[in-house]
Amino acid sequence: MMKATNIIRTALAAMILATAGFANAAEEVNTAEANALMKIGVVLSGPAYSISELNNQLRMQAEEAGASSYRITSVGGNNLLHGTATLYR
């Protein structure tokens, strides 16, 4: 009986911790959605080998800055990509 209780408590704690991480996740938005939000800054990122990698870097920087949303505003480069994103709250 005690083992089952500990397993349930551990499982509940894991679920709470897993969902808590999503509460702070920054979401990419489009221009129309961004117009309804408050701009709080800009981040730069790179180098990255793919658009996906660059997007992940920008998202992580947005989360670290406390933004709830971000919009990628520029991407450039040849073999290595660099980009900027506007942050919103």
N, C-alpha and C. Protein backbone atom coordinates (compact mmCIF):
# COMPACT_ATOMS: atom_id res chain seq x y z
N MET A 1 0.82 -1.20 0.00
CA MET A 1 0.00 0.00 0.00
C MET A 1 0.87 1.26 0.00
N MET A 2 1.93 1.24 0.78
CA MET A 2 2.81 2.41 0.87
C MET A 2 3.53 2.64 -0.45
N LYS A 3 3.94 1.57 -1.13
CA LYS A 3 4.62 1.72 -2.42
C LYS A 3 3.70 2.36 -3.45
N ALA A 4 2.45 1.94 -3.49
CA ALA A 4 1.50 2.49 -4.45
C ALA A 4 1.29 3.98 -4.21
N THR A 5 1.21 4.38 -2.96
CA THR A 5 1.04 5.79 -2.62
C THR A 5 2.25 6.60 -3.08
N ASN A 6 3.44 6.08 -2.86
CA ASN A 6 4.66 6.77 -3.29
C ASN A 6 4.73 6.87 -4.81
N ILE A 7 4.32 5.85 -5.51
CA ILE A 7 4.33 5.85 -6.97
C ILE A 7 3.35 6.91 -7.48
N ILE A 8 2.18 6.98 -6.89
CA ILE A 8 1.18 7.96 -7.31
C ILE A 8 1.69 9.37 -7.04
N ARG A 9 2.26 9.60 -5.87
CA ARG A 9 2.80 10.92 -5.55
C ARG A 9 3.92 11.31 -6.51
N THR A 10 4.79 10.38 -6.82
CA THR A 10 5.89 10.65 -7.74
C THR A 10 5.36 10.97 -9.13
N ALA A 11 4.37 10.21 -9.59
CA ALA A 11 3.78 10.45 -10.90
C ALA A 11 3.10 11.81 -10.96
N LEU A 12 2.38 12.18 -9.92
CA LEU A 12 1.72 13.49 -9.88
C LEU A 12 2.74 14.62 -9.88
N ALA A 13 3.81 14.46 -9.11
CA ALA A 13 4.86 15.48 -9.07
C ALA A 13 5.50 15.63 -10.44
N ALA A 14 5.75 14.53 -11.13
CA ALA A 14 6.35 14.58 -12.46
C ALA A 14 5.43 15.29 -13.45
N MET A 15 4.13 15.02 -13.37
CA MET A 15 3.18 15.67 -14.28
C MET A 15 3.13 17.18 -14.01
N ILE A 16 3.14 17.57 -12.76
CA ILE A 16 3.10 18.99 -12.42
C ILE A 16 4.34 19.70 -12.93
N LEU A 17 5.51 19.08 -12.72
CA LEU A 17 6.75 19.69 -13.19
C LEU A 17 6.79 19.76 -14.71
N ALA A 18 6.28 18.75 -15.38
CA ALA A 18 6.29 18.74 -16.85
C ALA A 18 5.39 19.83 -17.41
N THR A 19 4.22 20.03 -16.83
CA THR A 19 3.32 21.06 -17.34
C THR A 19 3.77 22.45 -16.93
N ALA A 20 4.49 22.57 -15.84
CA ALA A 20 4.98 23.88 -15.41
C ALA A 20 5.95 24.45 -16.44
N GLY A 21 6.72 23.61 -17.10
CA GLY A 21 7.64 24.07 -18.12
C GLY A 21 6.93 24.69 -19.31
N PHE A 22 5.75 24.20 -19.62
CA PHE A 22 5.01 24.73 -20.75
C PHE A 22 4.38 26.08 -20.44
N ALA A 23 4.19 26.38 -19.18
CA ALA A 23 3.58 27.65 -18.81
C ALA A 23 4.48 28.83 -19.20
N ASN A 24 5.79 28.60 -19.27
CA ASN A 24 6.73 29.67 -19.59
C ASN A 24 7.18 29.62 -21.05
N ALA A 25 6.64 28.73 -21.83
CA ALA A 25 7.08 28.57 -23.21
C ALA A 25 6.60 29.74 -24.06
N ALA A 26 7.53 30.34 -24.79
CA ALA A 26 7.17 31.42 -25.71
C ALA A 26 6.59 30.81 -26.98
N GLU A 27 5.57 31.45 -27.51
CA GLU A 27 4.87 30.96 -28.69
C GLU A 27 5.17 31.88 -29.87
N GLU A 28 5.47 31.28 -31.01
CA GLU A 28 5.69 32.09 -32.22
C GLU A 28 4.34 32.58 -32.72
N VAL A 29 4.28 33.87 -33.09
CA VAL A 29 3.04 34.47 -33.57
C VAL A 29 3.26 35.08 -34.95
N ASN A 30 2.15 35.27 -35.68
CA ASN A 30 2.25 35.93 -36.99
C ASN A 30 2.06 37.44 -36.82
N THR A 31 2.16 38.18 -37.89
CA THR A 31 2.09 39.64 -37.83
C THR A 31 0.76 40.12 -37.26
N ALA A 32 -0.34 39.53 -37.69
CA ALA A 32 -1.66 39.96 -37.21
C ALA A 32 -1.79 39.73 -35.71
N GLU A 33 -1.32 38.60 -35.23
CA GLU A 33 -1.38 38.31 -33.79
C GLU A 33 -0.46 39.26 -33.01
N ALA A 34 0.71 39.56 -33.58
CA ALA A 34 1.68 40.43 -32.92
C ALA A 34 1.13 41.84 -32.74
N ASN A 35 0.30 42.29 -33.66
CA ASN A 35 -0.25 43.65 -33.58
C ASN A 35 -1.10 43.86 -32.34
N ALA A 36 -1.64 42.78 -31.77
CA ALA A 36 -2.49 42.89 -30.58
C ALA A 36 -1.68 42.76 -29.29
N LEU A 37 -0.36 42.56 -29.40
CA LEU A 37 0.48 42.34 -28.22
C LEU A 37 1.39 43.53 -27.95
N MET A 38 1.94 43.58 -26.74
CA MET A 38 2.86 44.65 -26.36
C MET A 38 4.30 44.22 -26.63
N LYS A 39 5.01 44.99 -27.45
CA LYS A 39 6.40 44.71 -27.77
C LYS A 39 7.26 44.99 -26.55
N ILE A 40 8.15 44.03 -26.21
CA ILE A 40 9.02 44.23 -25.04
C ILE A 40 10.50 44.16 -25.37
N GLY A 41 10.85 43.87 -26.62
CA GLY A 41 12.26 43.84 -26.97
C GLY A 41 12.55 43.09 -28.25
N VAL A 42 13.85 42.92 -28.51
CA VAL A 42 14.33 42.23 -29.71
C VAL A 42 15.49 41.34 -29.30
N VAL A 43 15.60 40.15 -29.90
CA VAL A 43 16.74 39.27 -29.68
C VAL A 43 17.38 38.91 -31.01
N LEU A 44 18.67 38.62 -30.96
CA LEU A 44 19.45 38.19 -32.12
C LEU A 44 19.98 36.80 -31.82
N SER A 45 20.08 35.97 -32.85
CA SER A 45 20.59 34.63 -32.61
C SER A 45 21.34 34.10 -33.81
N GLY A 46 22.09 33.06 -33.59
CA GLY A 46 22.87 32.40 -34.61
C GLY A 46 24.26 32.16 -34.08
N PRO A 47 25.07 31.46 -34.76
CA PRO A 47 24.78 30.81 -36.03
C PRO A 47 23.97 29.53 -35.85
N ALA A 48 23.22 29.18 -36.88
CA ALA A 48 22.42 27.97 -36.90
C ALA A 48 22.55 27.33 -38.28
N TYR A 49 22.43 26.01 -38.32
CA TYR A 49 22.56 25.27 -39.57
C TYR A 49 21.23 25.10 -40.31
N SER A 50 20.10 25.39 -39.62
CA SER A 50 18.80 25.26 -40.27
C SER A 50 17.83 26.28 -39.69
N ILE A 51 16.74 26.51 -40.39
CA ILE A 51 15.70 27.42 -39.91
C ILE A 51 15.13 26.90 -38.60
N SER A 52 14.94 25.59 -38.51
CA SER A 52 14.41 24.99 -37.29
C SER A 52 15.32 25.25 -36.10
N GLU A 53 16.61 25.08 -36.28
CA GLU A 53 17.57 25.33 -35.20
C GLU A 53 17.55 26.81 -34.81
N LEU A 54 17.51 27.70 -35.79
CA LEU A 54 17.46 29.13 -35.52
C LEU A 54 16.19 29.49 -34.77
N ASN A 55 15.06 28.93 -35.18
CA ASN A 55 13.78 29.16 -34.51
C ASN A 55 13.88 28.72 -33.04
N ASN A 56 14.48 27.56 -32.78
CA ASN A 56 14.62 27.08 -31.41
C ASN A 56 15.50 28.02 -30.59
N GLN A 57 16.57 28.52 -31.18
CA GLN A 57 17.45 29.46 -30.47
C GLN A 57 16.69 30.74 -30.11
N LEU A 58 15.94 31.26 -31.07
CA LEU A 58 15.17 32.49 -30.82
C LEU A 58 14.08 32.26 -29.78
N ARG A 59 13.42 31.11 -29.83
CA ARG A 59 12.38 30.78 -28.84
C ARG A 59 12.98 30.71 -27.44
N MET A 60 14.13 30.07 -27.30
CA MET A 60 14.78 29.96 -25.99
C MET A 60 15.17 31.33 -25.46
N GLN A 61 15.67 32.20 -26.33
CA GLN A 61 16.02 33.55 -25.89
C GLN A 61 14.77 34.33 -25.47
N ALA A 62 13.68 34.14 -26.19
CA ALA A 62 12.43 34.81 -25.85
C ALA A 62 11.96 34.34 -24.47
N GLU A 63 12.03 33.05 -24.20
CA GLU A 63 11.63 32.51 -22.91
C GLU A 63 12.51 33.06 -21.79
N GLU A 64 13.81 33.12 -22.04
CA GLU A 64 14.75 33.63 -21.03
C GLU A 64 14.47 35.10 -20.72
N ALA A 65 14.00 35.85 -21.71
CA ALA A 65 13.69 37.26 -21.53
C ALA A 65 12.31 37.48 -20.90
N GLY A 66 11.55 36.40 -20.70
CA GLY A 66 10.23 36.51 -20.10
C GLY A 66 9.12 36.84 -21.07
N ALA A 67 9.37 36.67 -22.36
CA ALA A 67 8.34 36.95 -23.36
C ALA A 67 7.35 35.80 -23.43
N SER A 68 6.10 36.12 -23.70
CA SER A 68 5.09 35.08 -23.89
C SER A 68 5.00 34.70 -25.37
N SER A 69 5.44 35.62 -26.25
CA SER A 69 5.37 35.40 -27.69
C SER A 69 6.57 36.05 -28.37
N TYR A 70 6.84 35.59 -29.59
CA TYR A 70 7.90 36.19 -30.40
C TYR A 70 7.53 36.05 -31.87
N ARG A 71 8.09 36.97 -32.68
CA ARG A 71 7.87 36.91 -34.13
C ARG A 71 9.22 37.09 -34.80
N ILE A 72 9.61 36.12 -35.62
CA ILE A 72 10.87 36.20 -36.35
C ILE A 72 10.73 37.30 -37.40
N THR A 73 11.67 38.25 -37.35
CA THR A 73 11.58 39.40 -38.26
C THR A 73 12.61 39.37 -39.37
N SER A 74 13.71 38.63 -39.17
CA SER A 74 14.69 38.51 -40.25
C SER A 74 15.51 37.25 -40.09
N VAL A 75 15.91 36.70 -41.23
CA VAL A 75 16.79 35.54 -41.30
C VAL A 75 17.73 35.77 -42.46
N GLY A 76 19.01 35.52 -42.25
CA GLY A 76 19.97 35.69 -43.32
C GLY A 76 21.17 34.79 -43.12
N GLY A 77 21.98 34.71 -44.15
CA GLY A 77 23.19 33.91 -44.09
C GLY A 77 23.28 32.96 -45.26
N ASN A 78 24.45 32.40 -45.45
CA ASN A 78 24.66 31.42 -46.51
C ASN A 78 24.65 30.02 -45.92
N ASN A 79 25.79 29.55 -45.44
CA ASN A 79 25.83 28.23 -44.82
C ASN A 79 25.36 28.25 -43.38
N LEU A 80 25.60 29.34 -42.69
CA LEU A 80 25.15 29.51 -41.32
C LEU A 80 24.14 30.65 -41.27
N LEU A 81 23.05 30.42 -40.58
CA LEU A 81 21.96 31.40 -40.51
C LEU A 81 22.03 32.22 -39.24
N HIS A 82 21.62 33.47 -39.33
CA HIS A 82 21.46 34.38 -38.22
C HIS A 82 20.08 34.99 -38.34
N GLY A 83 19.49 35.36 -37.22
CA GLY A 83 18.15 35.95 -37.30
C GLY A 83 17.84 36.84 -36.13
N THR A 84 16.73 37.56 -36.27
CA THR A 84 16.23 38.43 -35.21
C THR A 84 14.76 38.11 -34.97
N ALA A 85 14.32 38.39 -33.76
CA ALA A 85 12.91 38.21 -33.42
C ALA A 85 12.49 39.33 -32.49
N THR A 86 11.26 39.79 -32.66
CA THR A 86 10.67 40.76 -31.78
C THR A 86 9.94 40.00 -30.69
N LEU A 87 10.09 40.46 -29.44
CA LEU A 87 9.48 39.80 -28.29
C LEU A 87 8.23 40.54 -27.85
N TYR A 88 7.24 39.79 -27.39
CA TYR A 88 5.96 40.36 -26.96
C TYR A 88 5.52 39.76 -25.63
N ARG A 89 4.71 40.54 -24.94
CA ARG A 89 4.11 40.07 -23.70
C ARG A 89 2.63 40.25 -23.79
